[in-house]
Amino acid sequence: MLNFAGIAVVAVAAFCAFWYRSAAGAAVGLVLMVAVVSMVERTIHTVYVITGDGLLVVSRGRFSRRVVVRLADISSVEVVRAGLLPVAYVLVRYGSGRELSLQPDNAEGFVREVKRRMEP
């Protein structure tokens, strides 16, 4: 939900930048519109897949590279609350000190499923 609020704020800022018909306003508005398109693309097309052969595949849209993590390499997976904001995300630690933050719709269910699939 917070992702959509961020998209709305950046879109309004882009609209305001275009409203003041100047070269600087147009340049800022254009940059902000590119940011809005990127944010929408990433929000809509992010997919987390746990495959049958023991892989966690994270695809964050067409403009980002796919991340593939073997479930056997995951050392911990937990739900983390983000301070004062009403946001929770899943933190996956894997490999030698690598981390991956994910925002599935059902964070607790996602963590349960990953832990269930990690068991031998």
N, C-alpha and C. Protein backbone atom coordinates (compact mmCIF):
# COMPACT_ATOMS: atom_id res chain seq x y z
N MET A 1 0.81 -1.19 0.00
CA MET A 1 0.00 0.00 0.00
C MET A 1 0.86 1.26 0.00
N LEU A 2 1.96 1.19 0.74
CA LEU A 2 2.85 2.34 0.80
C LEU A 2 3.52 2.59 -0.55
N ASN A 3 3.70 1.52 -1.35
CA ASN A 3 4.26 1.69 -2.70
C ASN A 3 3.36 2.57 -3.55
N PHE A 4 2.05 2.34 -3.48
CA PHE A 4 1.11 3.12 -4.27
C PHE A 4 1.07 4.57 -3.81
N ALA A 5 1.22 4.80 -2.51
CA ALA A 5 1.27 6.17 -2.00
C ALA A 5 2.52 6.89 -2.52
N GLY A 6 3.63 6.19 -2.56
CA GLY A 6 4.86 6.78 -3.10
C GLY A 6 4.72 7.12 -4.57
N ILE A 7 4.08 6.24 -5.33
CA ILE A 7 3.85 6.50 -6.75
C ILE A 7 2.98 7.73 -6.92
N ALA A 8 1.93 7.86 -6.11
CA ALA A 8 1.04 9.01 -6.20
C ALA A 8 1.77 10.31 -5.87
N VAL A 9 2.63 10.30 -4.87
CA VAL A 9 3.37 11.51 -4.50
C VAL A 9 4.31 11.94 -5.62
N VAL A 10 5.03 11.00 -6.21
CA VAL A 10 5.95 11.34 -7.30
C VAL A 10 5.19 11.80 -8.53
N ALA A 11 4.04 11.21 -8.80
CA ALA A 11 3.22 11.62 -9.95
C ALA A 11 2.69 13.04 -9.77
N VAL A 12 2.26 13.37 -8.57
CA VAL A 12 1.79 14.74 -8.30
C VAL A 12 2.95 15.73 -8.42
N ALA A 13 4.12 15.36 -7.96
CA ALA A 13 5.29 16.23 -8.10
C ALA A 13 5.63 16.45 -9.57
N ALA A 14 5.52 15.41 -10.39
CA ALA A 14 5.77 15.54 -11.83
C ALA A 14 4.74 16.48 -12.46
N PHE A 15 3.48 16.32 -12.09
CA PHE A 15 2.44 17.20 -12.61
C PHE A 15 2.71 18.66 -12.24
N CYS A 16 3.11 18.90 -10.99
CA CYS A 16 3.43 20.26 -10.54
C CYS A 16 4.63 20.83 -11.30
N ALA A 17 5.61 20.00 -11.58
CA ALA A 17 6.79 20.46 -12.33
C ALA A 17 6.39 20.88 -13.74
N PHE A 18 5.50 20.14 -14.38
CA PHE A 18 5.04 20.51 -15.73
C PHE A 18 4.13 21.74 -15.70
N TRP A 19 3.46 21.96 -14.58
CA TRP A 19 2.51 23.06 -14.46
C TRP A 19 3.19 24.43 -14.62
N TYR A 20 4.43 24.57 -14.16
CA TYR A 20 5.15 25.84 -14.20
C TYR A 20 5.92 26.02 -15.49
N ARG A 21 5.46 25.74 -16.59
CA ARG A 21 5.97 25.90 -17.94
C ARG A 21 7.33 26.60 -18.07
N SER A 22 8.35 25.93 -17.64
CA SER A 22 9.71 26.41 -17.83
C SER A 22 10.58 25.23 -18.26
N ALA A 23 11.74 25.54 -18.76
CA ALA A 23 12.64 24.48 -19.21
C ALA A 23 13.07 23.60 -18.03
N ALA A 24 13.38 24.23 -16.91
CA ALA A 24 13.79 23.47 -15.73
C ALA A 24 12.63 22.61 -15.22
N GLY A 25 11.42 23.16 -15.21
CA GLY A 25 10.25 22.41 -14.78
C GLY A 25 9.98 21.22 -15.67
N ALA A 26 10.15 21.42 -16.98
CA ALA A 26 9.93 20.32 -17.93
C ALA A 26 10.96 19.22 -17.73
N ALA A 27 12.21 19.60 -17.49
CA ALA A 27 13.27 18.61 -17.28
C ALA A 27 13.00 17.80 -16.01
N VAL A 28 12.64 18.51 -14.93
CA VAL A 28 12.35 17.82 -13.67
C VAL A 28 11.12 16.93 -13.83
N GLY A 29 10.09 17.45 -14.51
CA GLY A 29 8.88 16.68 -14.73
C GLY A 29 9.14 15.42 -15.53
N LEU A 30 10.00 15.52 -16.54
CA LEU A 30 10.33 14.36 -17.36
C LEU A 30 11.06 13.30 -16.54
N VAL A 31 12.00 13.73 -15.73
CA VAL A 31 12.73 12.79 -14.88
C VAL A 31 11.77 12.11 -13.89
N LEU A 32 10.86 12.90 -13.32
CA LEU A 32 9.90 12.32 -12.38
C LEU A 32 8.93 11.37 -13.06
N MET A 33 8.55 11.66 -14.30
CA MET A 33 7.66 10.74 -15.01
C MET A 33 8.35 9.41 -15.32
N VAL A 34 9.63 9.47 -15.65
CA VAL A 34 10.39 8.23 -15.86
C VAL A 34 10.44 7.43 -14.55
N ALA A 35 10.60 8.16 -13.44
CA ALA A 35 10.60 7.49 -12.14
C ALA A 35 9.25 6.84 -11.85
N VAL A 36 8.16 7.52 -12.19
CA VAL A 36 6.82 6.97 -11.96
C VAL A 36 6.62 5.70 -12.78
N VAL A 37 7.02 5.74 -14.05
CA VAL A 37 6.88 4.55 -14.91
C VAL A 37 7.69 3.39 -14.34
N SER A 38 8.90 3.67 -13.89
CA SER A 38 9.74 2.63 -13.31
C SER A 38 9.13 2.07 -12.03
N MET A 39 8.58 2.94 -11.19
CA MET A 39 7.97 2.51 -9.94
C MET A 39 6.72 1.65 -10.20
N VAL A 40 5.90 2.06 -11.16
CA VAL A 40 4.70 1.28 -11.49
C VAL A 40 5.09 -0.08 -12.06
N GLU A 41 6.06 -0.08 -12.96
CA GLU A 41 6.53 -1.33 -13.56
C GLU A 41 7.02 -2.29 -12.48
N ARG A 42 7.79 -1.79 -11.56
CA ARG A 42 8.35 -2.64 -10.52
C ARG A 42 7.28 -3.13 -9.55
N THR A 43 6.33 -2.27 -9.22
CA THR A 43 5.27 -2.65 -8.29
C THR A 43 4.34 -3.69 -8.89
N ILE A 44 3.95 -3.49 -10.13
CA ILE A 44 2.98 -4.39 -10.76
C ILE A 44 3.60 -5.73 -11.15
N HIS A 45 4.83 -5.73 -11.63
CA HIS A 45 5.41 -6.94 -12.21
C HIS A 45 6.39 -7.69 -11.30
N THR A 46 6.43 -7.36 -10.02
CA THR A 46 7.30 -8.11 -9.11
C THR A 46 6.65 -9.45 -8.78
N VAL A 47 7.43 -10.53 -8.94
CA VAL A 47 6.92 -11.89 -8.70
C VAL A 47 7.96 -12.67 -7.91
N TYR A 48 7.47 -13.42 -6.91
CA TYR A 48 8.33 -14.32 -6.13
C TYR A 48 7.86 -15.74 -6.40
N VAL A 49 8.76 -16.60 -6.87
CA VAL A 49 8.40 -17.98 -7.20
C VAL A 49 9.34 -18.93 -6.46
N ILE A 50 8.75 -19.91 -5.79
CA ILE A 50 9.53 -20.98 -5.18
C ILE A 50 9.31 -22.20 -6.06
N THR A 51 10.36 -22.63 -6.72
CA THR A 51 10.25 -23.72 -7.69
C THR A 51 10.31 -25.07 -7.00
N GLY A 52 9.91 -26.08 -7.73
CA GLY A 52 9.93 -27.45 -7.21
C GLY A 52 11.33 -28.00 -7.02
N ASP A 53 12.31 -27.42 -7.72
CA ASP A 53 13.69 -27.91 -7.59
C ASP A 53 14.51 -27.12 -6.59
N GLY A 54 13.84 -26.41 -5.66
CA GLY A 54 14.55 -25.77 -4.56
C GLY A 54 15.16 -24.42 -4.85
N LEU A 55 14.51 -23.62 -5.67
CA LEU A 55 15.01 -22.27 -5.98
C LEU A 55 13.97 -21.22 -5.60
N LEU A 56 14.45 -20.09 -5.11
CA LEU A 56 13.62 -18.91 -4.92
C LEU A 56 13.98 -17.95 -6.04
N VAL A 57 13.03 -17.66 -6.91
CA VAL A 57 13.26 -16.78 -8.06
C VAL A 57 12.52 -15.47 -7.81
N VAL A 58 13.26 -14.36 -7.82
CA VAL A 58 12.70 -13.03 -7.60
C VAL A 58 12.84 -12.25 -8.89
N SER A 59 11.70 -11.90 -9.47
CA SER A 59 11.67 -11.12 -10.70
C SER A 59 11.01 -9.78 -10.39
N ARG A 60 11.74 -8.69 -10.57
CA ARG A 60 11.24 -7.36 -10.22
C ARG A 60 10.91 -6.53 -11.46
N GLY A 61 10.23 -7.12 -12.41
CA GLY A 61 9.83 -6.38 -13.59
C GLY A 61 10.78 -6.55 -14.76
N ARG A 62 10.40 -5.92 -15.86
CA ARG A 62 11.17 -6.09 -17.10
C ARG A 62 12.48 -5.33 -17.11
N PHE A 63 12.63 -4.32 -16.27
CA PHE A 63 13.84 -3.49 -16.30
C PHE A 63 14.89 -3.93 -15.29
N SER A 64 14.62 -4.97 -14.52
CA SER A 64 15.55 -5.44 -13.50
C SER A 64 15.95 -6.88 -13.78
N ARG A 65 17.14 -7.23 -13.30
CA ARG A 65 17.59 -8.61 -13.45
C ARG A 65 16.88 -9.52 -12.46
N ARG A 66 16.72 -10.74 -12.87
CA ARG A 66 16.12 -11.76 -12.02
C ARG A 66 17.16 -12.24 -11.02
N VAL A 67 16.73 -12.45 -9.78
CA VAL A 67 17.61 -12.97 -8.73
C VAL A 67 17.17 -14.40 -8.42
N VAL A 68 18.12 -15.32 -8.44
CA VAL A 68 17.83 -16.73 -8.16
C VAL A 68 18.67 -17.16 -6.96
N VAL A 69 17.98 -17.67 -5.93
CA VAL A 69 18.66 -18.11 -4.71
C VAL A 69 18.25 -19.55 -4.45
N ARG A 70 19.23 -20.40 -4.20
CA ARG A 70 18.91 -21.78 -3.82
C ARG A 70 18.40 -21.78 -2.38
N LEU A 71 17.33 -22.52 -2.13
CA LEU A 71 16.77 -22.59 -0.78
C LEU A 71 17.79 -23.16 0.20
N ALA A 72 18.66 -24.03 -0.27
CA ALA A 72 19.70 -24.62 0.59
C ALA A 72 20.70 -23.57 1.04
N ASP A 73 20.85 -22.48 0.30
CA ASP A 73 21.80 -21.42 0.65
C ASP A 73 21.23 -20.41 1.64
N ILE A 74 19.93 -20.45 1.89
CA ILE A 74 19.30 -19.48 2.79
C ILE A 74 19.62 -19.85 4.23
N SER A 75 20.19 -18.87 4.96
CA SER A 75 20.52 -19.11 6.36
C SER A 75 19.40 -18.65 7.29
N SER A 76 18.66 -17.61 6.91
CA SER A 76 17.52 -17.17 7.71
C SER A 76 16.54 -16.40 6.85
N VAL A 77 15.28 -16.46 7.26
CA VAL A 77 14.22 -15.72 6.60
C VAL A 77 13.27 -15.25 7.70
N GLU A 78 12.99 -13.94 7.74
CA GLU A 78 12.18 -13.40 8.82
C GLU A 78 11.41 -12.16 8.35
N VAL A 79 10.30 -11.90 9.04
CA VAL A 79 9.53 -10.69 8.79
C VAL A 79 10.11 -9.57 9.64
N VAL A 80 10.38 -8.43 9.01
CA VAL A 80 10.96 -7.28 9.71
C VAL A 80 9.99 -6.11 9.60
N ARG A 81 9.75 -5.46 10.71
CA ARG A 81 8.91 -4.26 10.72
C ARG A 81 9.80 -3.04 10.51
N ALA A 82 9.32 -2.08 9.74
CA ALA A 82 10.14 -0.93 9.35
C ALA A 82 9.89 0.26 10.28
N GLY A 83 10.40 0.19 11.48
CA GLY A 83 10.36 1.32 12.41
C GLY A 83 8.96 1.86 12.66
N LEU A 84 8.78 3.15 12.44
CA LEU A 84 7.51 3.82 12.71
C LEU A 84 6.49 3.63 11.59
N LEU A 85 6.96 3.26 10.41
CA LEU A 85 6.06 3.09 9.28
C LEU A 85 5.28 1.78 9.41
N PRO A 86 4.03 1.76 8.93
CA PRO A 86 3.24 0.53 9.01
C PRO A 86 3.58 -0.44 7.87
N VAL A 87 4.86 -0.76 7.76
CA VAL A 87 5.33 -1.59 6.66
C VAL A 87 6.10 -2.77 7.23
N ALA A 88 5.85 -3.94 6.65
CA ALA A 88 6.61 -5.13 7.00
C ALA A 88 7.20 -5.69 5.71
N TYR A 89 8.40 -6.20 5.80
CA TYR A 89 9.02 -6.84 4.65
C TYR A 89 9.72 -8.11 5.12
N VAL A 90 10.05 -8.94 4.16
CA VAL A 90 10.72 -10.21 4.45
C VAL A 90 12.20 -10.04 4.14
N LEU A 91 13.03 -10.35 5.12
CA LEU A 91 14.47 -10.28 4.95
C LEU A 91 15.01 -11.69 4.81
N VAL A 92 15.66 -11.97 3.67
CA VAL A 92 16.23 -13.28 3.39
C VAL A 92 17.75 -13.13 3.42
N ARG A 93 18.39 -13.89 4.30
CA ARG A 93 19.86 -13.90 4.37
C ARG A 93 20.33 -15.20 3.73
N TYR A 94 21.30 -15.08 2.83
CA TYR A 94 21.77 -16.26 2.12
C TYR A 94 23.23 -16.08 1.75
N GLY A 95 23.84 -17.19 1.37
CA GLY A 95 25.24 -17.14 0.94
C GLY A 95 26.14 -16.62 2.05
N SER A 96 27.19 -15.92 1.64
CA SER A 96 28.14 -15.38 2.61
C SER A 96 27.83 -13.90 2.85
N GLY A 97 26.89 -13.65 3.74
CA GLY A 97 26.54 -12.29 4.12
C GLY A 97 25.66 -11.52 3.15
N ARG A 98 25.01 -12.20 2.22
CA ARG A 98 24.13 -11.52 1.26
C ARG A 98 22.72 -11.45 1.83
N GLU A 99 22.00 -10.37 1.48
CA GLU A 99 20.64 -10.18 1.95
C GLU A 99 19.74 -9.76 0.80
N LEU A 100 18.47 -10.10 0.94
CA LEU A 100 17.48 -9.79 -0.07
C LEU A 100 16.21 -9.38 0.66
N SER A 101 15.66 -8.21 0.35
CA SER A 101 14.42 -7.80 0.99
C SER A 101 13.27 -7.95 0.00
N LEU A 102 12.18 -8.54 0.47
CA LEU A 102 11.03 -8.83 -0.36
C LEU A 102 9.77 -8.26 0.30
N GLN A 103 8.76 -7.96 -0.49
CA GLN A 103 7.50 -7.46 0.04
C GLN A 103 6.32 -8.25 -0.53
N PRO A 104 6.18 -9.52 -0.14
CA PRO A 104 5.01 -10.28 -0.60
C PRO A 104 3.75 -9.77 0.09
N ASP A 105 2.60 -10.06 -0.50
CA ASP A 105 1.33 -9.62 0.08
C ASP A 105 1.10 -10.23 1.46
N ASN A 106 1.42 -11.48 1.62
CA ASN A 106 1.26 -12.18 2.89
C ASN A 106 2.65 -12.55 3.40
N ALA A 107 3.27 -11.66 4.16
CA ALA A 107 4.66 -11.87 4.58
C ALA A 107 4.82 -13.09 5.47
N GLU A 108 3.92 -13.26 6.45
CA GLU A 108 4.05 -14.40 7.36
C GLU A 108 3.85 -15.73 6.63
N GLY A 109 2.89 -15.77 5.72
CA GLY A 109 2.66 -16.98 4.94
C GLY A 109 3.83 -17.31 4.03
N PHE A 110 4.45 -16.28 3.46
CA PHE A 110 5.62 -16.47 2.61
C PHE A 110 6.77 -17.06 3.41
N VAL A 111 7.01 -16.51 4.60
CA VAL A 111 8.09 -17.01 5.46
C VAL A 111 7.82 -18.46 5.85
N ARG A 112 6.57 -18.78 6.22
CA ARG A 112 6.24 -20.17 6.57
C ARG A 112 6.50 -21.12 5.40
N GLU A 113 6.11 -20.71 4.20
CA GLU A 113 6.29 -21.57 3.03
C GLU A 113 7.77 -21.78 2.71
N VAL A 114 8.57 -20.71 2.78
CA VAL A 114 10.01 -20.85 2.52
C VAL A 114 10.64 -21.77 3.54
N LYS A 115 10.29 -21.59 4.81
CA LYS A 115 10.87 -22.46 5.86
C LYS A 115 10.42 -23.91 5.67
N ARG A 116 9.17 -24.12 5.27
CA ARG A 116 8.68 -25.48 5.04
C ARG A 116 9.44 -26.15 3.90
N ARG A 117 9.71 -25.38 2.84
CA ARG A 117 10.42 -25.94 1.68
C ARG A 117 11.90 -26.13 1.94
N MET A 118 12.45 -25.39 2.93
CA MET A 118 13.88 -25.53 3.26
C MET A 118 14.15 -26.81 4.04
N GLU A 119 13.13 -27.36 4.70
CA GLU A 119 13.33 -28.58 5.49
C GLU A 119 13.64 -29.75 4.58
N PRO A 120 14.57 -30.61 5.00
CA PRO A 120 14.94 -31.76 4.16
C PRO A 120 13.87 -32.82 4.10
